[in-house]
Every structure is written in structure tokens, then in C-alpha cells.
Amino acid sequence: MLSKIVYSTSATATGGGRDGHTALDDGSYGTDLAVPKEMGGPGGDALNPEKLFSLGYAACFMGALRFYAGQKKVAVPEDTKVTVETGIGPREDGGFGIDVKIKVSLPGLDEETAQDLIKGGHHVCPYSDATRGSLSISPELV
């Protein structure tokens, strides 16, 4: 439960959903979407919800990791990378679900410190919190 909302945004989807258009309501960004070939669509370079989720989660996790590191007074290497892989597929109950893998590269840090930063970042990340209990996500050091 949030104690206070410090920022809020909204987006609206039109058209066919996965093969429609989505845009931020403030007009700052909008994009056409396309269904991936693997799901029966045309594929190509267009975005889809899984690509958008990966983009957002990777950026959010990086910010959370840096926030946690700052609390611990640990310098995060400049060449740190967070990669989020998002998959989609049918669930056994007939719906659809997503699978998420997070890979973190923290060059130059010892493994114990790196693992602590990953664990702490996962704990404070809002995306991790929102998916906790519905997805099994174990960020890994690469």
C-alpha cells in the first residue's frame, strides 16, 4: 500500500490493442504496436506490450539498484547493465501469462557486494513489488 503518490501518468490504447496504437495522455510519446510473428502477427520493428514492459522494468530496476547502492554507500560501476527478458505464453488455466528474467552485470564488484545490490534493488523496485506473488523472478548476476 502506498503512503502517498508522488507521480502519476496515464496512457490510452486504441485500435486492436496489440495491433493498435498507444500513447501517453500528456502527448509526450505515442507508438503503433504490432503483434510478433511468433504470435501470428506481422512482427517487424514495431513495439508490443512485452517490449514496453522490458524497457520499463530494466530502467526501473537500474534506478532501484542505484537507489539501494546509495543507501549502502556503494559506488555502482558506470558500465553496469540490467537486461530484462519478457516472454509471453499460455497459462495452464487458459489465459496468458508472462515470464521475466533479469540479468545484472556489475563489473568490478565482488560477488557478495553485487549479490547484495541485486537483492536490495529487487526489494525496492516498484516493478518487482508489483509482480511479487504473481511471477517468479530471481535476478541473476552475469
Protein backbone atom coordinates (compact mmCIF):
# COMPACT_ATOMS: atom_id res chain seq x y z
CA MET A 1 0.00 0.00 0.00
CA LEU A 2 1.36 3.41 -0.94
CA SER A 3 1.57 6.06 1.74
CA LYS A 4 1.46 8.79 -0.93
CA ILE A 5 1.56 9.01 -4.73
CA VAL A 6 4.43 11.28 -5.81
CA TYR A 7 4.00 10.88 -9.59
CA SER A 8 1.28 9.59 -11.87
CA THR A 9 0.89 9.18 -15.62
CA SER A 10 -1.65 7.63 -17.94
CA ALA A 11 -1.79 6.14 -21.42
CA THR A 12 -4.61 5.23 -23.78
CA ALA A 13 -4.70 2.34 -26.26
CA THR A 14 -6.82 2.46 -29.41
CA GLY A 15 -7.37 0.15 -32.35
CA GLY A 16 -6.92 -3.58 -31.90
CA GLY A 17 -4.80 -3.45 -28.75
CA ARG A 18 -1.69 -5.41 -29.68
CA ASP A 19 -2.05 -4.21 -33.26
CA GLY A 20 -3.28 -0.72 -32.48
CA HIS A 21 -1.80 2.47 -31.11
CA THR A 22 -0.87 3.51 -27.59
CA ALA A 23 0.02 6.99 -26.42
CA LEU A 24 0.69 8.86 -23.23
CA ASP A 25 -2.22 11.11 -22.41
CA ASP A 26 0.09 14.13 -21.99
CA GLY A 27 1.09 13.81 -25.67
CA SER A 28 4.80 13.25 -24.96
CA TYR A 29 5.01 9.81 -26.61
CA GLY A 30 2.92 7.52 -28.76
CA THR A 31 3.60 4.47 -30.87
CA ASP A 32 1.95 1.97 -33.17
CA LEU A 33 2.04 -1.61 -31.96
CA ALA A 34 2.37 -4.87 -33.90
CA VAL A 35 1.79 -8.48 -32.92
CA PRO A 36 5.05 -10.51 -33.03
CA LYS A 37 5.39 -13.13 -35.79
CA GLU A 38 5.56 -15.81 -33.10
CA MET A 39 2.02 -14.86 -32.09
CA GLY A 40 0.63 -14.78 -35.63
CA GLY A 41 1.27 -11.12 -36.44
CA PRO A 42 3.45 -9.28 -38.91
CA GLY A 43 6.30 -8.77 -36.44
CA GLY A 44 8.94 -6.29 -37.52
CA ASP A 45 10.42 -3.42 -35.58
CA ALA A 46 7.18 -2.15 -34.05
CA LEU A 47 6.77 -2.26 -30.30
CA ASN A 48 4.47 -4.61 -28.40
CA PRO A 49 3.45 -4.80 -24.73
CA GLU A 50 6.27 -7.21 -23.85
CA LYS A 51 8.91 -4.90 -25.37
CA LEU A 52 7.42 -1.95 -23.47
CA PHE A 53 7.40 -3.97 -20.23
CA SER A 54 11.07 -4.96 -20.72
CA LEU A 55 12.05 -1.33 -21.35
CA GLY A 56 10.26 -0.06 -18.27
CA TYR A 57 11.35 -2.85 -15.94
CA ALA A 58 15.02 -2.60 -16.97
CA ALA A 59 15.09 1.16 -16.36
CA CYS A 60 13.18 0.86 -13.09
CA PHE A 61 15.39 -1.95 -11.79
CA MET A 62 18.53 0.02 -12.64
CA GLY A 63 17.17 3.00 -10.73
CA ALA A 64 16.21 0.83 -7.76
CA LEU A 65 19.64 -0.84 -7.72
CA ARG A 66 21.33 2.58 -7.75
CA PHE A 67 19.00 3.85 -5.00
CA TYR A 68 19.77 0.85 -2.80
CA ALA A 69 23.51 1.15 -3.51
CA GLY A 70 23.36 4.81 -2.48
CA GLN A 71 21.78 3.82 0.83
CA LYS A 72 24.61 1.32 1.35
CA LYS A 73 27.21 3.89 0.22
CA VAL A 74 28.43 1.57 -2.56
CA ALA A 75 29.52 3.06 -5.90
CA VAL A 76 27.76 1.42 -8.83
CA PRO A 77 30.12 0.91 -11.78
CA GLU A 78 29.38 3.19 -14.75
CA ASP A 79 29.19 0.20 -17.10
CA THR A 80 26.54 -1.60 -15.04
CA LYS A 81 23.83 -3.20 -17.18
CA VAL A 82 20.37 -4.51 -16.38
CA THR A 83 18.75 -6.71 -19.02
CA VAL A 84 15.12 -7.76 -18.71
CA GLU A 85 13.77 -10.54 -20.92
CA THR A 86 9.99 -10.77 -21.06
CA GLY A 87 8.26 -13.79 -22.55
CA ILE A 88 4.56 -14.46 -23.07
CA GLY A 89 2.66 -17.70 -23.43
CA PRO A 90 -0.47 -19.60 -22.50
CA ARG A 91 -1.18 -20.45 -18.87
CA GLU A 92 -2.48 -23.87 -17.90
CA ASP A 93 -5.81 -22.31 -16.85
CA GLY A 94 -6.50 -21.00 -20.35
CA GLY A 95 -5.29 -17.40 -20.02
CA PHE A 96 -1.94 -15.86 -20.86
CA GLY A 97 0.99 -15.07 -18.62
CA ILE A 98 4.40 -13.51 -18.75
CA ASP A 99 7.80 -14.85 -17.79
CA VAL A 100 10.50 -12.42 -16.71
CA LYS A 101 14.24 -12.90 -16.37
CA ILE A 102 16.52 -10.17 -15.03
CA LYS A 103 20.26 -10.26 -15.66
CA VAL A 104 22.55 -7.75 -13.98
CA SER A 105 26.17 -7.02 -14.85
CA LEU A 106 28.16 -5.18 -12.17
CA PRO A 107 31.75 -5.24 -13.50
CA GLY A 108 34.46 -4.80 -10.91
CA LEU A 109 32.35 -5.52 -7.83
CA ASP A 110 33.00 -8.58 -5.72
CA GLU A 111 30.27 -11.21 -5.89
CA GLU A 112 28.99 -10.69 -2.33
CA THR A 113 28.54 -6.93 -2.84
CA ALA A 114 26.98 -7.45 -6.28
CA GLN A 115 24.52 -10.03 -4.97
CA ASP A 116 23.55 -7.70 -2.11
CA LEU A 117 22.89 -4.84 -4.54
CA ILE A 118 20.80 -7.09 -6.80
CA LYS A 119 18.77 -8.43 -3.86
CA GLY A 120 18.29 -4.93 -2.41
CA GLY A 121 17.37 -3.47 -5.81
CA HIS A 122 14.82 -6.25 -6.34
CA HIS A 123 13.33 -5.49 -2.92
CA VAL A 124 12.86 -1.73 -3.53
CA CYS A 125 11.96 -1.85 -7.27
CA PRO A 126 8.29 -0.97 -7.85
CA TYR A 127 8.07 -3.34 -10.85
CA SER A 128 9.41 -6.18 -8.70
CA ASP A 129 6.94 -5.28 -5.98
CA ALA A 130 4.02 -5.16 -8.43
CA THR A 131 4.84 -8.61 -9.81
CA ARG A 132 5.78 -10.24 -6.49
CA GLY A 133 3.50 -13.17 -5.81
CA SER A 134 2.32 -13.47 -9.42
CA LEU A 135 5.69 -14.09 -11.12
CA SER A 136 8.74 -15.99 -10.02
CA ILE A 137 11.62 -13.61 -10.70
CA SER A 138 15.15 -14.25 -9.47
CA PRO A 139 17.52 -11.59 -10.75
CA GLU A 140 20.91 -13.07 -11.53
CA LEU A 141 24.42 -11.74 -11.72
CA VAL A 142 26.01 -12.24 -15.13
